[in-house]
C-alpha cells in the first residue's frame, strides 16, 4: 500500500525540460548535451508535455530531421557498496524523434533498461578522445521495457510519483543488488508495494541473467510473448532469464490503477505466466491465510515512506515470510531505500522488537552517469550501434555528468523460535510484550556507530554489521 501523499522518486528524475547545446553529430567524439533550463521535473506527464515542443539549439551539424535521439543513463554500484560484485550495470534509454524542421524532439516508445555485464578484463585503451570522461560497459545480458503512469485521470502532475507509478532509483539499486547476489532469489518471491512492477521484475531478471543456469529463449509464437500495440517501439519478444530455483514471483499493490499498469509490464516482461502473478494487497488489512509462512524472499524498494506504514509492513513481512525453525532454510526480507528515509530505521526496530527477527544492515552507493546521447537514422539501427560500441569503440562511452545516491539495505529473517504457526504467541507485537530496541551497529576498527542515524564508516572493510 503506497503512501497517499509522500512517495517521490529517490533522486531527481531524469525527466527534464531539455535544451540541446553543443555539437550534434553521429561521430563518437561529439556529445549531445541536455541541460535543465528550470527546476527539474519529476512527473512523466511533464516529460511528455515539454518534449513535444522542445527546440534544438544546433551547431556544426547537418540536417537531423527524422533522426532518433536516444537519451541514456548508466547505473552502477560503487566499490564501497556491501555486495560481492559491483561490475554489472543498468543502462536506461529514452528515445526521441527529431521533427521535420530538425528543431523539435518528440518522445517515442517506452523506457528500456539494458542489464549489462562487466567490462572486458583487458587493458585496451579507448579509441576515443581520452581527455573526455568515459565509462566502459560490457555485453547486454537482457533488455526489458516498462510502462509508467504518466498522469491521473484528472491530470494531477504529482500523482504518478505518489502512487508508485514511475520507476525510481531504489528499484534500480535493488536490481543491481540481486545481480551481485543472485542466489538470494529463490522459491516463492513476493514484492510488497510493487508499483508498476519494475523492482520485482528487474531484480528477478538480474538474478537470472547473472547465474549460469537460467531460462532462455522463447518461441516466436508464444501467446505470452511481449507485444504492445500501443507503442511505436515494441519490446523484444525475448523470454526473461530467471534463476533456476525461482518458483513464482508475486507482485502486490493496493492501487487499482497502478495494478492495471503493472499488468501491462508483466505481459511484456518476458516472464512466463506460470512464473509470475499479481494481486491486490493492502498491508493495513489482516494477513491472508494462504500467504502465511509462504515466501522464501520478500522484496521492498523504499516502501516505508511514513511512520504509520511501519506497523502494517512489519506484520505482513513477519507472517508471510517462511520460518527458520531448522536454522538454515528460512526466508529473507530484503529492503532497499535511501539513507535519508528516517522511517526505514523504524521498520528495522519494529521487525526486531515486535517480531523477534534478526536484521543485518548494509549500504549501497548508486552511481549515475549521464551518457552522451545516441543519434541514429532509424530505430532499427540500435543493434548496429551496439555492435560498433563493443567492437570498434571497445565498450567505451562518453558521459556528460555524474551523480551518486546512497542507500541503506537490510536483510531480516526469523529467529529459530518461530515455527510458522505460533506467531500469535511468539511475536511480542501480538502478545503486548514488545520491549526496548537493541539497535544494529557497525563494529570494527575500534569504532562503534549507532545505527539509528545511519552513517557509513569511512572504511567499510574495517568491520561488519551485527545485532547486539
Foldseek 3Di string as FASTA:
>chain_A
DFAQPFFFFPDQDPQALWEWDFADDQDQAGFTDTDHPDDGAGFLLVSQVRQQFAFYDHDPDDAQAFWKWKWKKKKWWDPQFPFPDTQKIKMKIWMWTQHRVSTGTGTFFFIKIFIFGGADPDDDDFPYDPVFDKDFTHDTLDMATADFDRADPVRDRCRRRRLLRDDHVLLVVLLSRCLRVLVLAAEEEEEPSCQLPSNQLSNQLSSQSNDPDWDWADDPPPPLFFDDPVGPDTQDRIAGTGPPRQQAYEYEHADPVRQVRSVNRSSHSNYDPRHYYYDYDDLVDDADPVQFQHHQEYEYRARQQDQVVLVSVLNNCLGRWHACQVPPRTHKYKYKYFLPRLCVQVNVQCNCQQRVKFKFKTKIKMKMFRFRIRIGSDPVCPVVVVVCCCPVRVRMTGTDDMDITMMMMMMIHHDNVDNRPCRCPRGCNNVVNGDDGQFKWWDFPNDIDGPSSPDQPPDNVGTGIGGD
